[in-house]
Amino acid sequence: MNHGLLPRQQQEFRALLLARRAALADQRSAHLDGRSRVEHARELLLQDGDDATQRDADREVDLARTDRDAVELAEIDQALARIDAGQYGLCADCGEAIALARLRSAPQALRCVDCESRRERGQPRPASL
């Protein structure tokens, strides 16, 4: 069951996801310099510097980046699994097809625009500076 996606479209999205996954994995590996996230975090905590406040802010940004990358890798893996299961391109909430434009801009998308918008409105927004 492909929910309206042609085989060539499924292949296109698989290729997009695999390319993004490879690029993200390479970026993450280079950033962590071959260490685990825990080892990387420990090294950041042990860094010396004159400006402790700036160092703490840099560390928070760095750790948030590694967390964001891990989440995106998991989302990509889940999208690849949905392709394998024949569920790719179907909204997890309403069951309708996700628009091709949305899949092209975010191939790991789990929900259609309407359902994602409803989900985001139902959650508190993060504080902005």
N, C-alpha and C. Protein backbone atom coordinates (compact mmCIF):
# COMPACT_ATOMS: atom_id res chain seq x y z
N MET A 1 0.85 -1.18 0.00
CA MET A 1 0.00 0.00 0.00
C MET A 1 0.89 1.24 0.00
N ASN A 2 0.71 2.13 -0.99
CA ASN A 2 1.60 3.28 -1.09
C ASN A 2 0.89 4.61 -0.92
N HIS A 3 -0.45 4.60 -0.71
CA HIS A 3 -1.21 5.81 -0.41
C HIS A 3 -1.04 6.88 -1.48
N GLY A 4 -1.01 6.42 -2.74
CA GLY A 4 -0.95 7.36 -3.84
C GLY A 4 0.44 7.71 -4.32
N LEU A 5 1.47 7.29 -3.61
CA LEU A 5 2.82 7.57 -4.09
C LEU A 5 3.21 6.53 -5.12
N LEU A 6 3.71 7.02 -6.23
CA LEU A 6 4.20 6.12 -7.27
C LEU A 6 5.51 5.50 -6.81
N PRO A 7 5.86 4.33 -7.34
CA PRO A 7 7.14 3.70 -6.96
C PRO A 7 8.34 4.63 -7.15
N ARG A 8 8.34 5.40 -8.23
CA ARG A 8 9.47 6.32 -8.44
C ARG A 8 9.49 7.43 -7.38
N GLN A 9 8.30 7.84 -6.90
CA GLN A 9 8.25 8.84 -5.83
C GLN A 9 8.76 8.24 -4.52
N GLN A 10 8.38 7.01 -4.25
CA GLN A 10 8.89 6.34 -3.05
C GLN A 10 10.42 6.26 -3.12
N GLN A 11 10.93 5.93 -4.29
CA GLN A 11 12.39 5.85 -4.46
C GLN A 11 13.03 7.22 -4.27
N GLU A 12 12.37 8.26 -4.80
CA GLU A 12 12.87 9.62 -4.65
C GLU A 12 12.98 10.00 -3.17
N PHE A 13 11.93 9.70 -2.40
CA PHE A 13 11.94 10.05 -0.98
C PHE A 13 12.92 9.19 -0.20
N ARG A 14 13.04 7.92 -0.55
CA ARG A 14 14.05 7.08 0.09
C ARG A 14 15.44 7.65 -0.14
N ALA A 15 15.72 8.06 -1.38
CA ALA A 15 17.03 8.64 -1.70
C ALA A 15 17.26 9.94 -0.93
N LEU A 16 16.23 10.80 -0.86
CA LEU A 16 16.36 12.05 -0.09
C LEU A 16 16.66 11.77 1.37
N LEU A 17 15.91 10.83 1.94
CA LEU A 17 16.09 10.49 3.36
C LEU A 17 17.47 9.88 3.61
N LEU A 18 17.90 8.99 2.74
CA LEU A 18 19.21 8.36 2.92
C LEU A 18 20.34 9.36 2.78
N ALA A 19 20.19 10.29 1.82
CA ALA A 19 21.22 11.32 1.64
C ALA A 19 21.28 12.24 2.86
N ARG A 20 20.12 12.64 3.36
CA ARG A 20 20.09 13.51 4.55
C ARG A 20 20.65 12.78 5.77
N ARG A 21 20.31 11.49 5.87
CA ARG A 21 20.80 10.69 6.99
C ARG A 21 22.32 10.59 6.95
N ALA A 22 22.87 10.33 5.78
CA ALA A 22 24.33 10.22 5.64
C ALA A 22 25.01 11.55 5.97
N ALA A 23 24.46 12.65 5.45
CA ALA A 23 25.05 13.96 5.72
C ALA A 23 24.98 14.31 7.20
N LEU A 24 23.86 14.03 7.81
CA LEU A 24 23.68 14.32 9.23
C LEU A 24 24.59 13.45 10.09
N ALA A 25 24.70 12.18 9.74
CA ALA A 25 25.58 11.27 10.49
C ALA A 25 27.04 11.72 10.37
N ASP A 26 27.45 12.13 9.17
CA ASP A 26 28.82 12.63 8.98
C ASP A 26 29.06 13.90 9.78
N GLN A 27 28.10 14.81 9.73
CA GLN A 27 28.19 16.07 10.48
C GLN A 27 28.28 15.80 11.98
N ARG A 28 27.44 14.90 12.46
CA ARG A 28 27.42 14.57 13.88
C ARG A 28 28.73 13.90 14.31
N SER A 29 29.21 13.00 13.48
CA SER A 29 30.46 12.31 13.78
C SER A 29 31.62 13.29 13.85
N ALA A 30 31.68 14.21 12.89
CA ALA A 30 32.74 15.22 12.89
C ALA A 30 32.62 16.11 14.11
N HIS A 31 31.41 16.48 14.46
CA HIS A 31 31.18 17.36 15.61
C HIS A 31 31.60 16.68 16.92
N LEU A 32 31.25 15.41 17.05
CA LEU A 32 31.59 14.68 18.27
C LEU A 32 33.03 14.17 18.25
N ASP A 33 33.67 14.26 17.09
CA ASP A 33 35.06 13.84 16.93
C ASP A 33 35.27 12.39 17.37
N GLY A 34 34.32 11.53 16.97
CA GLY A 34 34.45 10.11 17.26
C GLY A 34 34.08 9.69 18.67
N ARG A 35 33.66 10.65 19.49
CA ARG A 35 33.29 10.32 20.87
C ARG A 35 31.79 10.10 20.96
N SER A 36 31.37 9.44 22.02
CA SER A 36 29.94 9.34 22.29
C SER A 36 29.45 10.70 22.77
N ARG A 37 28.14 10.90 22.81
CA ARG A 37 27.60 12.16 23.29
C ARG A 37 27.99 12.39 24.74
N VAL A 38 28.00 11.33 25.55
CA VAL A 38 28.37 11.45 26.96
C VAL A 38 29.83 11.89 27.09
N GLU A 39 30.71 11.27 26.32
CA GLU A 39 32.13 11.65 26.36
C GLU A 39 32.31 13.09 25.90
N HIS A 40 31.58 13.46 24.85
CA HIS A 40 31.65 14.83 24.32
C HIS A 40 31.17 15.82 25.38
N ALA A 41 30.06 15.52 26.05
CA ALA A 41 29.52 16.40 27.09
C ALA A 41 30.51 16.55 28.24
N ARG A 42 31.14 15.44 28.63
CA ARG A 42 32.12 15.50 29.72
C ARG A 42 33.29 16.40 29.34
N GLU A 43 33.74 16.29 28.09
CA GLU A 43 34.85 17.14 27.64
C GLU A 43 34.45 18.60 27.67
N LEU A 44 33.22 18.90 27.27
CA LEU A 44 32.76 20.29 27.30
C LEU A 44 32.73 20.83 28.73
N LEU A 45 32.31 19.99 29.66
CA LEU A 45 32.26 20.43 31.06
C LEU A 45 33.63 20.71 31.64
N LEU A 46 34.64 20.03 31.12
CA LEU A 46 36.00 20.19 31.66
C LEU A 46 36.79 21.30 30.99
N GLN A 47 36.22 21.93 29.97
CA GLN A 47 36.94 22.99 29.26
C GLN A 47 37.19 24.18 30.18
N ASP A 48 38.36 24.74 30.03
CA ASP A 48 38.71 25.96 30.77
C ASP A 48 38.45 27.16 29.88
N GLY A 49 38.32 28.28 30.50
CA GLY A 49 38.14 29.52 29.77
C GLY A 49 38.01 30.67 30.73
N ASP A 50 38.24 31.85 30.20
CA ASP A 50 38.17 33.04 31.04
C ASP A 50 36.73 33.47 31.31
N ASP A 51 35.85 33.21 30.39
CA ASP A 51 34.48 33.69 30.50
C ASP A 51 33.55 32.51 30.76
N ALA A 52 33.31 32.22 32.04
CA ALA A 52 32.49 31.07 32.42
C ALA A 52 31.07 31.18 31.88
N THR A 53 30.50 32.38 31.86
CA THR A 53 29.14 32.56 31.37
C THR A 53 29.05 32.22 29.89
N GLN A 54 30.01 32.71 29.11
CA GLN A 54 30.03 32.42 27.68
C GLN A 54 30.28 30.93 27.44
N ARG A 55 31.16 30.34 28.21
CA ARG A 55 31.46 28.91 28.07
C ARG A 55 30.22 28.07 28.37
N ASP A 56 29.47 28.46 29.41
CA ASP A 56 28.24 27.74 29.73
C ASP A 56 27.21 27.87 28.61
N ALA A 57 27.08 29.06 28.05
CA ALA A 57 26.14 29.27 26.94
C ALA A 57 26.56 28.46 25.72
N ASP A 58 27.85 28.47 25.42
CA ASP A 58 28.36 27.68 24.28
C ASP A 58 28.11 26.19 24.49
N ARG A 59 28.30 25.74 25.71
CA ARG A 59 28.08 24.32 26.02
C ARG A 59 26.61 23.95 25.84
N GLU A 60 25.71 24.82 26.29
CA GLU A 60 24.27 24.55 26.14
C GLU A 60 23.88 24.48 24.66
N VAL A 61 24.41 25.39 23.86
CA VAL A 61 24.12 25.39 22.43
C VAL A 61 24.67 24.11 21.79
N ASP A 62 25.87 23.75 22.16
CA ASP A 62 26.50 22.55 21.61
C ASP A 62 25.70 21.29 21.94
N LEU A 63 25.29 21.16 23.19
CA LEU A 63 24.52 19.99 23.60
C LEU A 63 23.14 19.97 22.95
N ALA A 64 22.53 21.13 22.80
CA ALA A 64 21.23 21.20 22.12
C ALA A 64 21.38 20.77 20.66
N ARG A 65 22.48 21.14 20.05
CA ARG A 65 22.73 20.74 18.66
C ARG A 65 22.84 19.22 18.53
N THR A 66 23.59 18.59 19.43
CA THR A 66 23.73 17.13 19.34
C THR A 66 22.39 16.44 19.62
N ASP A 67 21.60 17.01 20.51
CA ASP A 67 20.26 16.46 20.78
C ASP A 67 19.37 16.59 19.55
N ARG A 68 19.38 17.76 18.92
CA ARG A 68 18.56 18.01 17.73
C ARG A 68 18.95 17.05 16.60
N ASP A 69 20.26 16.85 16.42
CA ASP A 69 20.73 15.93 15.39
C ASP A 69 20.26 14.50 15.67
N ALA A 70 20.30 14.09 16.92
CA ALA A 70 19.86 12.73 17.28
C ALA A 70 18.37 12.57 17.01
N VAL A 71 17.58 13.59 17.31
CA VAL A 71 16.14 13.53 17.06
C VAL A 71 15.88 13.44 15.56
N GLU A 72 16.58 14.25 14.78
CA GLU A 72 16.37 14.22 13.33
C GLU A 72 16.77 12.87 12.74
N LEU A 73 17.87 12.29 13.22
CA LEU A 73 18.26 10.96 12.75
C LEU A 73 17.18 9.93 13.06
N ALA A 74 16.61 9.99 14.24
CA ALA A 74 15.53 9.06 14.61
C ALA A 74 14.31 9.27 13.72
N GLU A 75 13.97 10.53 13.44
CA GLU A 75 12.82 10.80 12.56
C GLU A 75 13.06 10.25 11.16
N ILE A 76 14.27 10.38 10.67
CA ILE A 76 14.61 9.85 9.34
C ILE A 76 14.51 8.33 9.34
N ASP A 77 15.04 7.70 10.37
CA ASP A 77 14.95 6.23 10.46
C ASP A 77 13.49 5.78 10.50
N GLN A 78 12.65 6.52 11.22
CA GLN A 78 11.23 6.18 11.29
C GLN A 78 10.57 6.34 9.93
N ALA A 79 10.93 7.39 9.19
CA ALA A 79 10.37 7.60 7.86
C ALA A 79 10.79 6.47 6.91
N LEU A 80 12.05 6.05 7.00
CA LEU A 80 12.52 4.93 6.18
C LEU A 80 11.75 3.65 6.53
N ALA A 81 11.48 3.46 7.80
CA ALA A 81 10.69 2.28 8.22
C ALA A 81 9.27 2.37 7.68
N ARG A 82 8.70 3.58 7.63
CA ARG A 82 7.35 3.74 7.07
C ARG A 82 7.35 3.42 5.58
N ILE A 83 8.41 3.78 4.87
CA ILE A 83 8.51 3.42 3.45
C ILE A 83 8.52 1.91 3.32
N ASP A 84 9.36 1.26 4.12
CA ASP A 84 9.45 -0.21 4.07
C ASP A 84 8.12 -0.88 4.40
N ALA A 85 7.35 -0.27 5.29
CA ALA A 85 6.07 -0.85 5.72
C ALA A 85 4.91 -0.45 4.82
N GLY A 86 5.18 0.40 3.82
CA GLY A 86 4.12 0.85 2.94
C GLY A 86 3.23 1.91 3.55
N GLN A 87 3.69 2.59 4.59
CA GLN A 87 2.90 3.60 5.30
C GLN A 87 3.40 5.02 5.05
N TYR A 88 4.44 5.17 4.27
CA TYR A 88 5.04 6.49 4.06
C TYR A 88 4.08 7.39 3.29
N GLY A 89 3.99 8.64 3.71
CA GLY A 89 3.16 9.62 3.03
C GLY A 89 1.75 9.69 3.55
N LEU A 90 1.45 8.94 4.59
CA LEU A 90 0.13 8.93 5.19
C LEU A 90 0.22 9.59 6.56
N CYS A 91 -0.64 10.56 6.81
CA CYS A 91 -0.64 11.28 8.08
C CYS A 91 -0.94 10.32 9.23
N ALA A 92 -0.11 10.39 10.26
CA ALA A 92 -0.26 9.52 11.43
C ALA A 92 -1.51 9.85 12.24
N ASP A 93 -2.04 11.06 12.09
CA ASP A 93 -3.20 11.47 12.88
C ASP A 93 -4.52 11.24 12.14
N CYS A 94 -4.63 11.76 10.92
CA CYS A 94 -5.92 11.70 10.21
C CYS A 94 -5.97 10.61 9.15
N GLY A 95 -4.84 10.06 8.77
CA GLY A 95 -4.81 9.00 7.78
C GLY A 95 -4.83 9.47 6.34
N GLU A 96 -4.94 10.77 6.12
CA GLU A 96 -4.93 11.31 4.76
C GLU A 96 -3.51 11.39 4.22
N ALA A 97 -3.41 11.48 2.90
CA ALA A 97 -2.10 11.60 2.27
C ALA A 97 -1.47 12.94 2.63
N ILE A 98 -0.19 12.92 2.90
CA ILE A 98 0.58 14.15 3.15
C ILE A 98 0.94 14.73 1.78
N ALA A 99 0.76 16.03 1.63
CA ALA A 99 1.03 16.69 0.35
C ALA A 99 2.48 16.46 -0.09
N LEU A 100 2.66 16.24 -1.39
CA LEU A 100 4.01 16.02 -1.92
C LEU A 100 4.94 17.19 -1.63
N ALA A 101 4.42 18.41 -1.69
CA ALA A 101 5.25 19.58 -1.40
C ALA A 101 5.78 19.52 0.03
N ARG A 102 4.96 19.08 0.96
CA ARG A 102 5.42 18.95 2.35
C ARG A 102 6.47 17.86 2.46
N LEU A 103 6.23 16.73 1.82
CA LEU A 103 7.21 15.64 1.88
C LEU A 103 8.53 16.05 1.23
N ARG A 104 8.45 16.85 0.18
CA ARG A 104 9.71 17.29 -0.47
C ARG A 104 10.49 18.25 0.43
N SER A 105 9.77 19.08 1.18
CA SER A 105 10.48 20.01 2.06
C SER A 105 10.88 19.37 3.38
N ALA A 106 10.12 18.38 3.82
CA ALA A 106 10.42 17.67 5.07
C ALA A 106 10.09 16.19 4.86
N PRO A 107 10.98 15.45 4.21
CA PRO A 107 10.66 14.06 3.87
C PRO A 107 10.40 13.16 5.07
N GLN A 108 10.80 13.58 6.25
CA GLN A 108 10.55 12.77 7.45
C GLN A 108 9.21 13.13 8.09
N ALA A 109 8.42 14.00 7.46
CA ALA A 109 7.15 14.46 8.03
C ALA A 109 6.25 13.28 8.39
N LEU A 110 5.68 13.35 9.57
CA LEU A 110 4.79 12.31 10.08
C LEU A 110 3.32 12.70 9.93
N ARG A 111 3.07 14.01 9.81
CA ARG A 111 1.70 14.51 9.76
C ARG A 111 1.50 15.47 8.60
N CYS A 112 0.27 15.58 8.17
CA CYS A 112 -0.08 16.58 7.16
C CYS A 112 0.00 17.96 7.83
N VAL A 113 -0.03 19.00 7.03
CA VAL A 113 0.09 20.37 7.55
C VAL A 113 -1.02 20.68 8.54
N ASP A 114 -2.25 20.31 8.21
CA ASP A 114 -3.37 20.63 9.11
C ASP A 114 -3.21 19.96 10.47
N CYS A 115 -2.89 18.68 10.48
CA CYS A 115 -2.73 17.96 11.76
C CYS A 115 -1.52 18.46 12.53
N GLU A 116 -0.44 18.77 11.83
CA GLU A 116 0.75 19.30 12.52
C GLU A 116 0.43 20.66 13.13
N SER A 117 -0.31 21.48 12.40
CA SER A 117 -0.70 22.80 12.92
C SER A 117 -1.57 22.66 14.16
N ARG A 118 -2.54 21.75 14.10
CA ARG A 118 -3.39 21.51 15.28
C ARG A 118 -2.56 21.04 16.46
N ARG A 119 -1.63 20.17 16.20
CA ARG A 119 -0.76 19.63 17.27
C ARG A 119 0.07 20.74 17.90
N GLU A 120 0.64 21.60 17.05
CA GLU A 120 1.46 22.70 17.57
C GLU A 120 0.64 23.70 18.35
N ARG A 121 -0.58 23.99 17.91
CA ARG A 121 -1.44 24.93 18.63
C ARG A 121 -1.85 24.37 19.99
N GLY A 122 -1.91 23.05 20.10
CA GLY A 122 -2.32 22.42 21.35
C GLY A 122 -1.22 22.38 22.39
N GLN A 123 -0.01 22.72 22.00
CA GLN A 123 1.12 22.69 22.93
C GLN A 123 1.55 24.11 23.23
N PRO A 124 2.05 24.33 24.43
CA PRO A 124 2.56 25.66 24.75
C PRO A 124 3.75 25.99 23.86
N ARG A 125 3.83 27.23 23.47
CA ARG A 125 4.94 27.68 22.65
C ARG A 125 6.16 27.90 23.54
N PRO A 126 7.36 27.62 23.00
CA PRO A 126 8.56 27.89 23.79
C PRO A 126 8.71 29.41 24.00
N ALA A 127 9.28 29.75 25.13
CA ALA A 127 9.52 31.17 25.42
C ALA A 127 10.52 31.73 24.43
N SER A 128 10.30 32.96 24.01
CA SER A 128 11.24 33.60 23.09
C SER A 128 11.94 34.72 23.84
N LEU A 129 13.12 35.03 23.34
CA LEU A 129 13.92 36.08 23.98
C LEU A 129 13.55 37.44 23.47
